[in-house]
Amino acid sequence: MTVRVMLISPAMNAALREARFDGDSPLDRSGRASARAAAAEVPSGGLALSGPYRRCRETAEALGLTARTEPALGGWDLAGWAGRRLDEVAAAEPVEVASWLGDPSAAPHGGESLCDLVARTGTWLESLGGPDAPGTSFLAVAEAAVVRAAVVHGLRLPAEAFWRLDVAPLALTELSGRSGRWNVGLGRPLTAPPAG
């Protein structure tokens, strides 16, 4: 059975602007306005899901989606680094940050390693094609790290490729296929086409 998974990254918030390891912070006024403006561009179809973080839930709501919260779409658990800015952590823990960036199995922050994130996201993705799946089409608002992990898993890329994928706020990434064989359409922005 072919499955279609459309992943939308959440709108901008203050933590993203500050390069802060986000925990569960809300959208800011600008992010909410951007999401509302993009609502008309959201493709229709399938079961609407949202990651459990506030930024995902608020983006889904601003996009006009009635989304079920999906725990498997939770953001990357960076434990001890949550809420801190990347430059602060790099200055205080340069060896740990180098390890985190260079070794996909490292988790110097005490949370999930990159390998763990890709495995968790991959397990969720593969479950969508199973006999117990609630459908064949899914539209989910998920943290950018989860979107990147889904692409890494779907294309069977080495975990290090995660660091080479950029996911802008309010971008749509589509995966279609079935367990073990996925095609990817990357990062279409959810913006209205120019008038004229």
Protein backbone atom coordinates (compact mmCIF):
# COMPACT_ATOMS: atom_id res chain seq x y z
CA MET A 1 0.00 0.00 0.00
CA THR A 2 1.36 3.44 -0.95
CA VAL A 3 1.36 6.02 1.82
CA ARG A 4 1.59 9.79 1.48
CA VAL A 5 3.10 11.73 4.37
CA MET A 6 3.14 15.53 4.19
CA LEU A 7 5.27 17.16 6.88
CA ILE A 8 5.02 20.88 7.59
CA SER A 9 7.66 22.50 9.74
CA PRO A 10 6.27 24.88 12.37
CA ALA A 11 6.27 28.64 12.03
CA MET A 12 9.00 30.88 13.43
CA ASN A 13 9.31 31.66 17.12
CA ALA A 14 11.75 33.54 19.36
CA ALA A 15 13.78 30.42 20.21
CA LEU A 16 14.43 29.71 16.54
CA ARG A 17 15.44 33.33 15.88
CA GLU A 18 17.91 33.13 18.79
CA ALA A 19 19.35 29.73 17.73
CA ARG A 20 18.12 28.36 21.05
CA PHE A 21 17.64 24.66 21.68
CA ASP A 22 13.90 24.88 21.90
CA GLY A 23 11.94 23.03 24.48
CA ASP A 24 8.27 23.81 24.41
CA SER A 25 8.06 27.50 23.60
CA PRO A 26 5.08 29.03 21.79
CA LEU A 27 4.89 30.83 18.47
CA ASP A 28 5.45 34.54 18.57
CA ARG A 29 3.11 37.07 16.95
CA SER A 30 5.04 37.02 13.67
CA GLY A 31 5.03 33.21 13.50
CA ARG A 32 1.30 33.05 14.18
CA ALA A 33 0.61 35.65 11.47
CA SER A 34 2.79 33.78 8.96
CA ALA A 35 1.01 30.52 9.66
CA ARG A 36 -2.43 32.11 9.29
CA ALA A 37 -1.32 33.68 5.99
CA ALA A 38 -0.12 30.27 4.73
CA ALA A 39 -3.33 28.42 5.66
CA ALA A 40 -4.80 28.64 2.16
CA GLU A 41 -1.72 26.87 0.75
CA VAL A 42 -1.96 23.81 2.99
CA PRO A 43 -2.72 20.74 0.89
CA SER A 44 -5.82 18.81 1.76
CA GLY A 45 -5.85 15.21 2.62
CA GLY A 46 -5.53 12.62 5.23
CA LEU A 47 -5.29 12.48 8.94
CA ALA A 48 -3.97 15.73 10.47
CA LEU A 49 -1.29 15.24 13.12
CA SER A 50 0.88 17.52 15.21
CA GLY A 51 4.02 17.09 17.23
CA PRO A 52 3.38 17.62 20.95
CA TYR A 53 5.42 20.83 21.30
CA ARG A 54 3.43 24.05 21.58
CA ARG A 55 5.03 25.49 18.46
CA CYS A 56 3.71 22.56 16.40
CA ARG A 57 0.25 22.57 17.95
CA GLU A 58 -0.11 26.35 17.55
CA THR A 59 1.10 26.18 13.94
CA ALA A 60 -1.44 23.46 13.15
CA GLU A 61 -4.19 25.56 14.70
CA ALA A 62 -3.13 28.72 12.82
CA LEU A 63 -3.08 26.70 9.57
CA GLY A 64 -6.70 25.72 10.25
CA LEU A 65 -5.98 22.07 11.00
CA THR A 66 -7.77 20.02 13.61
CA ALA A 67 -4.75 17.90 14.41
CA ARG A 68 -4.33 14.93 16.71
CA THR A 69 -1.19 15.15 18.84
CA GLU A 70 1.32 12.45 17.87
CA PRO A 71 3.99 11.82 20.56
CA ALA A 72 6.35 10.18 18.03
CA LEU A 73 6.67 13.58 16.32
CA GLY A 74 8.14 15.18 19.44
CA GLY A 75 11.19 17.37 18.91
CA TRP A 76 14.74 16.20 19.43
CA ASP A 77 15.30 15.58 23.15
CA LEU A 78 18.45 17.56 23.94
CA ALA A 79 17.92 17.28 27.71
CA GLY A 80 20.58 19.39 29.44
CA TRP A 81 20.87 21.81 26.52
CA ALA A 82 17.15 22.58 26.29
CA GLY A 83 16.44 26.29 26.48
CA ARG A 84 20.08 27.29 25.96
CA ARG A 85 21.51 29.08 22.92
CA LEU A 86 23.88 27.14 20.69
CA ASP A 87 26.65 29.74 21.06
CA GLU A 88 26.38 29.52 24.88
CA VAL A 89 26.65 25.74 24.83
CA ALA A 90 29.53 25.81 22.32
CA ALA A 91 31.46 28.26 24.51
CA ALA A 92 30.84 26.32 27.73
CA GLU A 93 31.11 22.77 26.32
CA PRO A 94 33.18 22.88 23.10
CA VAL A 95 34.32 19.25 23.28
CA GLU A 96 30.76 18.03 23.86
CA VAL A 97 29.36 20.11 20.99
CA ALA A 98 32.10 18.83 18.65
CA SER A 99 31.23 15.27 19.69
CA TRP A 100 27.51 15.90 19.11
CA LEU A 101 28.15 17.33 15.64
CA GLY A 102 30.69 14.69 14.64
CA ASP A 103 29.35 11.45 16.07
CA PRO A 104 25.71 10.55 15.35
CA SER A 105 25.64 8.19 18.32
CA ALA A 106 26.83 10.84 20.81
CA ALA A 107 24.44 12.38 23.32
CA PRO A 108 26.59 14.62 25.54
CA HIS A 109 23.48 16.61 26.52
CA GLY A 110 21.96 13.54 28.17
CA GLY A 111 19.04 13.16 25.75
CA GLU A 112 18.63 11.49 22.38
CA SER A 113 21.53 10.94 20.02
CA LEU A 114 21.04 11.74 16.35
CA CYS A 115 20.84 7.99 15.68
CA ASP A 116 18.09 7.71 18.30
CA LEU A 117 16.13 10.57 16.70
CA VAL A 118 16.39 9.04 13.22
CA ALA A 119 15.39 5.60 14.57
CA ARG A 120 12.38 7.00 16.47
CA THR A 121 11.19 8.96 13.46
CA GLY A 122 11.81 6.00 11.16
CA THR A 123 9.80 3.68 13.38
CA TRP A 124 6.87 6.10 13.22
CA LEU A 125 7.19 6.50 9.45
CA GLU A 126 7.30 2.74 8.85
CA SER A 127 4.26 2.21 11.08
CA LEU A 128 2.15 4.28 8.70
CA GLY A 129 2.17 1.59 6.04
CA GLY A 130 1.17 -1.20 8.38
CA PRO A 131 -2.20 -2.94 8.64
CA ASP A 132 -3.10 -0.97 11.78
CA ALA A 133 -2.42 2.44 10.18
CA PRO A 134 -5.39 4.84 10.36
CA GLY A 135 -5.19 5.65 6.64
CA THR A 136 -2.87 6.18 3.71
CA SER A 137 -2.52 9.97 3.74
CA PHE A 138 -1.13 12.04 6.60
CA LEU A 139 -0.54 15.76 7.08
CA ALA A 140 1.62 16.51 10.10
CA VAL A 141 3.16 19.59 11.66
CA ALA A 142 6.51 18.39 12.98
CA GLU A 143 9.67 20.03 14.28
CA ALA A 144 12.34 20.64 11.63
CA ALA A 145 14.65 18.05 13.24
CA VAL A 146 11.92 15.42 12.87
CA VAL A 147 11.40 16.37 9.22
CA ARG A 148 15.14 16.07 8.58
CA ALA A 149 15.24 12.71 10.40
CA ALA A 150 12.32 11.45 8.27
CA VAL A 151 14.21 12.35 5.08
CA VAL A 152 17.38 10.66 6.35
CA HIS A 153 15.42 7.52 7.19
CA GLY A 154 13.24 7.55 4.09
CA LEU A 155 16.17 7.84 1.69
CA ARG A 156 18.41 5.55 3.74
CA LEU A 157 21.01 8.27 4.04
CA PRO A 158 23.86 8.11 6.53
CA ALA A 159 22.90 9.88 9.76
CA GLU A 160 25.56 12.54 9.08
CA ALA A 161 23.46 13.77 6.11
CA PHE A 162 21.04 15.19 8.69
CA TRP A 163 23.40 18.16 9.19
CA ARG A 164 23.27 18.97 5.46
CA LEU A 165 19.48 19.27 5.25
CA ASP A 166 17.84 22.62 5.85
CA VAL A 167 14.14 22.90 6.68
CA ALA A 168 12.72 26.41 6.69
CA PRO A 169 9.75 27.38 8.84
CA LEU A 170 6.41 26.55 7.20
CA ALA A 171 7.97 24.35 4.52
CA LEU A 172 6.21 21.27 3.18
CA THR A 173 8.20 18.07 2.72
CA GLU A 174 6.41 15.09 1.17
CA LEU A 175 7.28 11.42 1.49
CA SER A 176 5.42 8.84 -0.52
CA GLY A 177 5.89 5.13 -0.77
CA ARG A 178 5.79 2.31 1.69
CA SER A 179 7.89 0.67 4.35
CA GLY A 180 11.49 0.50 3.18
CA ARG A 181 10.94 2.47 -0.05
CA TRP A 182 10.22 6.18 0.09
CA ASN A 183 10.38 9.06 -2.39
CA VAL A 184 10.87 12.59 -1.08
CA GLY A 185 9.67 15.97 -2.29
CA LEU A 186 11.65 18.56 -0.35
CA GLY A 187 10.70 21.83 1.25
CA ARG A 188 8.01 23.58 -0.77
CA PRO A 189 7.28 26.83 1.08
CA LEU A 190 3.70 27.35 2.16
CA THR A 191 3.38 30.79 0.65
CA ALA A 192 0.87 32.18 -1.77
CA PRO A 193 2.11 32.57 -5.35
CA PRO A 194 2.88 36.16 -6.37
CA ALA A 195 -0.05 38.09 -7.82
CA GLY A 196 -0.02 39.16 -11.40
